[in-house]
């Protein structure tokens, strides 16, 4: 049986220039290609900024729920805390909130 080798997508230029919908840090190289934010571990599927629309890539979590979890736990979900950068390393990313909507 023929099996195709699985390849993960990685942008040619990984420089962060796009804001994560969940934590609102400039932490992604681009939007809509399912990149995972190193600050909060939100998977960016490019679904827009609808706060209460369930995200398929994030197991049905909404941006509003992810933001509340980020404020409480430091990641979009409590189980993802072990995957995010440290609070100290967060300072390497620009925080650019649009609103106080949680």
C-alpha atoms as a PDB file:
ATOM      1  CA  UNK A   1       0.000   0.000   0.000  1.00  0.00           C
ATOM      2  CA  UNK A   2       1.316   3.430  -0.977  1.00  0.00           C
ATOM      3  CA  UNK A   3       1.447   6.025   1.813  1.00  0.00           C
ATOM      4  CA  UNK A   4       2.095   9.659   1.117  1.00  0.00           C
ATOM      5  CA  UNK A   5       4.551  11.353   3.475  1.00  0.00           C
ATOM      6  CA  UNK A   6       2.798  13.922   5.631  1.00  0.00           C
ATOM      7  CA  UNK A   7       4.319  17.383   5.341  1.00  0.00           C
ATOM      8  CA  UNK A   8       3.501  20.275   7.667  1.00  0.00           C
ATOM      9  CA  UNK A   9       3.020  23.677   6.129  1.00  0.00           C
ATOM     10  CA  UNK A  10       5.533  26.283   7.154  1.00  0.00           C
ATOM     11  CA  UNK A  11       5.635  29.820   5.702  1.00  0.00           C
ATOM     12  CA  UNK A  12       8.764  30.787   3.777  1.00  0.00           C
ATOM     13  CA  UNK A  13       9.144  33.857   5.989  1.00  0.00           C
ATOM     14  CA  UNK A  14       8.168  33.015   9.599  1.00  0.00           C
ATOM     15  CA  UNK A  15       8.434  36.632  10.795  1.00  0.00           C
ATOM     16  CA  UNK A  16       5.367  37.457  12.924  1.00  0.00           C
ATOM     17  CA  UNK A  17       3.258  40.141  11.212  1.00  0.00           C
ATOM     18  CA  UNK A  18      -0.343  38.993  11.767  1.00  0.00           C
ATOM     19  CA  UNK A  19      -2.336  39.308  14.968  1.00  0.00           C
ATOM     20  CA  UNK A  20      -3.690  36.171  16.625  1.00  0.00           C
ATOM     21  CA  UNK A  21      -7.475  36.334  16.941  1.00  0.00           C
ATOM     22  CA  UNK A  22      -7.366  34.857  20.421  1.00  0.00           C
ATOM     23  CA  UNK A  23      -4.554  36.524  22.400  1.00  0.00           C
ATOM     24  CA  UNK A  24      -4.194  39.564  20.088  1.00  0.00           C
ATOM     25  CA  UNK A  25      -0.400  39.347  19.942  1.00  0.00           C
ATOM     26  CA  UNK A  26       1.350  39.832  16.592  1.00  0.00           C
ATOM     27  CA  UNK A  27       2.547  36.225  16.557  1.00  0.00           C
ATOM     28  CA  UNK A  28       1.719  34.672  13.173  1.00  0.00           C
ATOM     29  CA  UNK A  29       3.482  34.951   9.826  1.00  0.00           C
ATOM     30  CA  UNK A  30       0.176  34.838   7.936  1.00  0.00           C
ATOM     31  CA  UNK A  31      -3.495  34.101   8.432  1.00  0.00           C
ATOM     32  CA  UNK A  32      -5.728  31.312   7.219  1.00  0.00           C
ATOM     33  CA  UNK A  33      -3.156  28.526   6.869  1.00  0.00           C
ATOM     34  CA  UNK A  34      -3.794  26.851  10.218  1.00  0.00           C
ATOM     35  CA  UNK A  35      -0.653  28.195  11.875  1.00  0.00           C
ATOM     36  CA  UNK A  36      -0.608  27.820  15.647  1.00  0.00           C
ATOM     37  CA  UNK A  37       0.035  30.849  17.813  1.00  0.00           C
ATOM     38  CA  UNK A  38       3.087  30.323  20.051  1.00  0.00           C
ATOM     39  CA  UNK A  39       1.643  32.721  22.636  1.00  0.00           C
ATOM     40  CA  UNK A  40      -1.774  31.076  23.244  1.00  0.00           C
ATOM     41  CA  UNK A  41      -1.823  27.963  20.968  1.00  0.00           C
ATOM     42  CA  UNK A  42      -4.878  29.116  18.978  1.00  0.00           C
ATOM     43  CA  UNK A  43      -4.947  27.513  15.525  1.00  0.00           C
ATOM     44  CA  UNK A  44      -5.630  30.221  12.948  1.00  0.00           C
ATOM     45  CA  UNK A  45      -8.053  28.975  10.328  1.00  0.00           C
ATOM     46  CA  UNK A  46      -8.784  32.482   9.038  1.00  0.00           C
ATOM     47  CA  UNK A  47     -12.393  32.428  10.196  1.00  0.00           C
ATOM     48  CA  UNK A  48     -12.533  36.150  10.843  1.00  0.00           C
ATOM     49  CA  UNK A  49     -13.157  38.020  14.051  1.00  0.00           C
ATOM     50  CA  UNK A  50     -16.635  36.759  14.972  1.00  0.00           C
ATOM     51  CA  UNK A  51     -16.245  36.363  18.731  1.00  0.00           C
ATOM     52  CA  UNK A  52     -18.992  33.778  19.206  1.00  0.00           C
ATOM     53  CA  UNK A  53     -18.578  31.577  16.128  1.00  0.00           C
ATOM     54  CA  UNK A  54     -17.278  28.088  17.021  1.00  0.00           C
ATOM     55  CA  UNK A  55     -13.886  27.315  15.489  1.00  0.00           C
ATOM     56  CA  UNK A  56     -13.567  23.881  13.914  1.00  0.00           C
ATOM     57  CA  UNK A  57      -9.773  23.997  14.144  1.00  0.00           C
ATOM     58  CA  UNK A  58     -10.022  24.770  17.874  1.00  0.00           C
ATOM     59  CA  UNK A  59     -12.465  22.002  18.801  1.00  0.00           C
ATOM     60  CA  UNK A  60     -15.546  24.243  18.724  1.00  0.00           C
ATOM     61  CA  UNK A  61     -14.047  26.894  20.981  1.00  0.00           C
ATOM     62  CA  UNK A  62     -15.076  30.462  20.191  1.00  0.00           C
ATOM     63  CA  UNK A  63     -12.656  33.398  20.151  1.00  0.00           C
ATOM     64  CA  UNK A  64     -14.466  34.796  23.202  1.00  0.00           C
ATOM     65  CA  UNK A  65     -13.953  31.511  25.106  1.00  0.00           C
ATOM     66  CA  UNK A  66     -10.329  31.301  23.969  1.00  0.00           C
ATOM     67  CA  UNK A  67      -9.663  34.857  25.160  1.00  0.00           C
ATOM     68  CA  UNK A  68     -11.224  34.169  28.547  1.00  0.00           C
ATOM     69  CA  UNK A  69      -9.103  31.013  28.866  1.00  0.00           C
ATOM     70  CA  UNK A  70      -5.983  32.938  27.851  1.00  0.00           C
ATOM     71  CA  UNK A  71      -6.587  35.498  30.579  1.00  0.00           C
ATOM     72  CA  UNK A  72      -7.265  32.791  33.154  1.00  0.00           C
ATOM     73  CA  UNK A  73      -4.750  30.083  32.189  1.00  0.00           C
ATOM     74  CA  UNK A  74      -2.276  31.647  29.733  1.00  0.00           C
ATOM     75  CA  UNK A  75      -3.441  29.568  26.744  1.00  0.00           C
ATOM     76  CA  UNK A  76      -6.593  29.190  24.640  1.00  0.00           C
ATOM     77  CA  UNK A  77      -7.373  25.994  26.566  1.00  0.00           C
ATOM     78  CA  UNK A  78      -5.984  24.832  29.921  1.00  0.00           C
ATOM     79  CA  UNK A  79      -4.500  21.691  28.324  1.00  0.00           C
ATOM     80  CA  UNK A  80      -2.411  23.822  25.955  1.00  0.00           C
ATOM     81  CA  UNK A  81      -0.487  25.775  28.598  1.00  0.00           C
ATOM     82  CA  UNK A  82       2.428  23.344  28.282  1.00  0.00           C
ATOM     83  CA  UNK A  83       2.816  24.286  24.585  1.00  0.00           C
ATOM     84  CA  UNK A  84       2.941  28.094  24.796  1.00  0.00           C
ATOM     85  CA  UNK A  85       5.933  30.382  25.252  1.00  0.00           C
ATOM     86  CA  UNK A  86       6.716  31.589  28.759  1.00  0.00           C
ATOM     87  CA  UNK A  87       5.338  34.848  30.104  1.00  0.00           C
ATOM     88  CA  UNK A  88       8.851  36.264  29.752  1.00  0.00           C
ATOM     89  CA  UNK A  89       9.083  35.166  26.101  1.00  0.00           C
ATOM     90  CA  UNK A  90       5.716  36.828  25.379  1.00  0.00           C
ATOM     91  CA  UNK A  91       7.540  40.153  25.592  1.00  0.00           C
ATOM     92  CA  UNK A  92       9.164  39.279  22.249  1.00  0.00           C
ATOM     93  CA  UNK A  93       5.761  39.703  20.579  1.00  0.00           C
ATOM     94  CA  UNK A  94       3.820  42.936  20.168  1.00  0.00           C
ATOM     95  CA  UNK A  95       0.477  43.019  22.000  1.00  0.00           C
ATOM     96  CA  UNK A  96      -2.100  44.925  19.967  1.00  0.00           C
ATOM     97  CA  UNK A  97      -5.633  44.598  21.347  1.00  0.00           C
ATOM     98  CA  UNK A  98      -8.528  45.997  19.322  1.00  0.00           C
ATOM     99  CA  UNK A  99     -11.085  45.888  22.049  1.00  0.00           C
ATOM    100  CA  UNK A 100     -11.827  44.723  25.535  1.00  0.00           C
ATOM    101  CA  UNK A 101     -14.330  42.157  24.258  1.00  0.00           C
ATOM    102  CA  UNK A 102     -13.927  38.853  26.028  1.00  0.00           C
END
